[in-house]
Every structure is written in C-alpha cells, then in structure tokens.
C-alpha atoms as a PDB file:
ATOM      1  CA  UNK A   1       0.236  -0.120  -0.175  1.00  0.00           C
ATOM      2  CA  UNK A   2       0.856   3.747  -1.056  1.00  0.00           C
ATOM      3  CA  UNK A   3       1.114   6.780   0.665  1.00  0.00           C
ATOM      4  CA  UNK A   4      -1.785   7.913  -1.774  1.00  0.00           C
ATOM      5  CA  UNK A   5      -4.131   4.732  -0.937  1.00  0.00           C
ATOM      6  CA  UNK A   6      -3.163   5.554   2.834  1.00  0.00           C
ATOM      7  CA  UNK A   7      -3.846   8.916   2.502  1.00  0.00           C
ATOM      8  CA  UNK A   8      -7.018   8.567   0.157  1.00  0.00           C
ATOM      9  CA  UNK A   9      -8.513   5.927   2.507  1.00  0.00           C
ATOM     10  CA  UNK A  10      -8.244   8.530   5.448  1.00  0.00           C
ATOM     11  CA  UNK A  11      -9.896  11.291   3.072  1.00  0.00           C
ATOM     12  CA  UNK A  12     -12.533   8.629   2.176  1.00  0.00           C
ATOM     13  CA  UNK A  13     -13.712   7.421   5.967  1.00  0.00           C
ATOM     14  CA  UNK A  14     -12.983  11.209   7.052  1.00  0.00           C
ATOM     15  CA  UNK A  15     -15.129  12.595   4.634  1.00  0.00           C
ATOM     16  CA  UNK A  16     -17.675   9.773   5.438  1.00  0.00           C
ATOM     17  CA  UNK A  17     -17.959  11.109   9.198  1.00  0.00           C
ATOM     18  CA  UNK A  18     -18.613  14.291   8.399  1.00  0.00           C
ATOM     19  CA  UNK A  19     -21.553  13.868   5.863  1.00  0.00           C
ATOM     20  CA  UNK A  20     -22.739  11.661   8.413  1.00  0.00           C
ATOM     21  CA  UNK A  21     -22.773  14.058  11.060  1.00  0.00           C
ATOM     22  CA  UNK A  22     -23.913  16.649   8.954  1.00  0.00           C
ATOM     23  CA  UNK A  23     -27.029  14.346   8.144  1.00  0.00           C
ATOM     24  CA  UNK A  24     -27.388  13.746  11.625  1.00  0.00           C
ATOM     25  CA  UNK A  25     -27.622  17.221  12.632  1.00  0.00           C
ATOM     26  CA  UNK A  26     -29.217  19.053   9.293  1.00  0.00           C
ATOM     27  CA  UNK A  27     -26.384  21.014   8.832  1.00  0.00           C
ATOM     28  CA  UNK A  28     -26.554  20.669   4.759  1.00  0.00           C
ATOM     29  CA  UNK A  29     -22.789  22.340   4.331  1.00  0.00           C
ATOM     30  CA  UNK A  30     -21.314  19.508   6.601  1.00  0.00           C
ATOM     31  CA  UNK A  31     -23.121  17.003   4.064  1.00  0.00           C
ATOM     32  CA  UNK A  32     -21.688  18.248   0.839  1.00  0.00           C
ATOM     33  CA  UNK A  33     -18.008  19.474   2.423  1.00  0.00           C
ATOM     34  CA  UNK A  34     -18.002  15.835   3.933  1.00  0.00           C
ATOM     35  CA  UNK A  35     -19.239  14.291   0.130  1.00  0.00           C
ATOM     36  CA  UNK A  36     -16.563  16.257  -1.814  1.00  0.00           C
ATOM     37  CA  UNK A  37     -14.144  14.817   0.867  1.00  0.00           C
ATOM     38  CA  UNK A  38     -14.951  11.611   0.274  1.00  0.00           C
ATOM     39  CA  UNK A  39     -14.708  12.007  -3.391  1.00  0.00           C
ATOM     40  CA  UNK A  40     -11.943  13.718  -2.933  1.00  0.00           C
ATOM     41  CA  UNK A  41      -9.928  10.869  -1.026  1.00  0.00           C
ATOM     42  CA  UNK A  42     -11.365   7.677  -3.483  1.00  0.00           C
ATOM     43  CA  UNK A  43      -9.998   9.295  -6.557  1.00  0.00           C
ATOM     44  CA  UNK A  44      -6.672  10.036  -4.552  1.00  0.00           C
ATOM     45  CA  UNK A  45      -7.218   6.237  -3.338  1.00  0.00           C
ATOM     46  CA  UNK A  46      -7.589   5.544  -7.205  1.00  0.00           C
ATOM     47  CA  UNK A  47      -4.431   7.154  -7.867  1.00  0.00           C
ATOM     48  CA  UNK A  48      -2.558   4.662  -5.622  1.00  0.00           C
ATOM     49  CA  UNK A  49      -4.199   1.549  -7.196  1.00  0.00           C
ATOM     50  CA  UNK A  50      -2.651   2.389 -10.525  1.00  0.00           C
ATOM     51  CA  UNK A  51       0.755   3.568  -9.476  1.00  0.00           C
ATOM     52  CA  UNK A  52       1.209   0.821  -7.568  1.00  0.00           C
ATOM     53  CA  UNK A  53      -0.116  -1.570 -10.423  1.00  0.00           C
ATOM     54  CA  UNK A  54       2.760   0.201 -12.833  1.00  0.00           C
ATOM     55  CA  UNK A  55       4.764  -0.323 -10.241  1.00  0.00           C
ATOM     56  CA  UNK A  56       4.418  -3.953 -10.132  1.00  0.00           C
ATOM     57  CA  UNK A  57       3.974  -4.367 -14.121  1.00  0.00           C
ATOM     58  CA  UNK A  58       7.712  -2.581 -14.130  1.00  0.00           C
ATOM     59  CA  UNK A  59       8.816  -4.996 -11.566  1.00  0.00           C
ATOM     60  CA  UNK A  60       7.572  -7.808 -13.496  1.00  0.00           C
ATOM     61  CA  UNK A  61       9.194  -6.600 -16.253  1.00  0.00           C
ATOM     62  CA  UNK A  62      11.949  -6.106 -15.105  1.00  0.00           C
ATOM     63  CA  UNK A  63      12.189  -9.586 -13.469  1.00  0.00           C
ATOM     64  CA  UNK A  64      11.738 -10.855 -16.911  1.00  0.00           C
ATOM     65  CA  UNK A  65      14.561  -8.750 -18.533  1.00  0.00           C
ATOM     66  CA  UNK A  66      16.944 -10.142 -15.574  1.00  0.00           C
ATOM     67  CA  UNK A  67      16.016 -13.841 -16.579  1.00  0.00           C
ATOM     68  CA  UNK A  68      16.306 -13.531 -20.362  1.00  0.00           C
ATOM     69  CA  UNK A  69      19.557 -11.555 -19.801  1.00  0.00           C
ATOM     70  CA  UNK A  70      20.691 -14.683 -17.280  1.00  0.00           C
ATOM     71  CA  UNK A  71      19.149 -17.508 -20.319  1.00  0.00           C
ATOM     72  CA  UNK A  72      21.462 -15.400 -23.046  1.00  0.00           C
ATOM     73  CA  UNK A  73      24.498 -15.882 -20.870  1.00  0.00           C
ATOM     74  CA  UNK A  74      24.141 -19.398 -19.721  1.00  0.00           C
ATOM     75  CA  UNK A  75      23.638 -20.310 -23.706  1.00  0.00           C
ATOM     76  CA  UNK A  76      26.956 -18.270 -24.512  1.00  0.00           C
ATOM     77  CA  UNK A  77      29.018 -19.919 -21.427  1.00  0.00           C
ATOM     78  CA  UNK A  78      27.571 -23.473 -23.184  1.00  0.00           C
ATOM     79  CA  UNK A  79      28.420 -22.438 -26.551  1.00  0.00           C
ATOM     80  CA  UNK A  80      31.889 -20.946 -25.334  1.00  0.00           C
ATOM     81  CA  UNK A  81      32.686 -24.137 -23.160  1.00  0.00           C
ATOM     82  CA  UNK A  82      31.562 -26.592 -26.770  1.00  0.00           C
ATOM     83  CA  UNK A  83      33.501 -24.591 -28.801  1.00  0.00           C
END
C-alpha cells in the first residue's frame, strides 16, 4: 500500500464521517463538504491503485528481462565451452 492509497482512505473515511454528522444534525454544508472530501479520498486512493499497478508491472518486466539476460549468458557460456 502506498502513500496515496493510505491518504485516500483516510480522506474517504473522514469525509464519510463528516457527511454522516451533517445528516444527523441537518447541516447541509457539512454534508456537502463531507461528500466532497469523501470523493477526493476515493480519487486519491484510485490514483494510488494505478501507481501500485504500474510499479508491479515495471517490476515484473524487470524480472523477466533479468531472467532473459541470465539465460542468454548461460547459453553463451555453453557455446564457449563447446568450442
């Protein structure tokens, strides 16, 4: 979990609480502010998800490249020993 995911969850929960308090007290301004904060948190969390997925994809590609390089070196070594 990255920083954006954590901060997004915190904003989402805080916004949800503020919206609910606004509903209980009849404070429409608090409801609107809470809903906006909740939406901001959801967007930030989604951005964190995108960043996390991109990092995992990049890590996977690097690992595949490392394995390909290792296999190529092993093949070169076998060819060198065969000659």
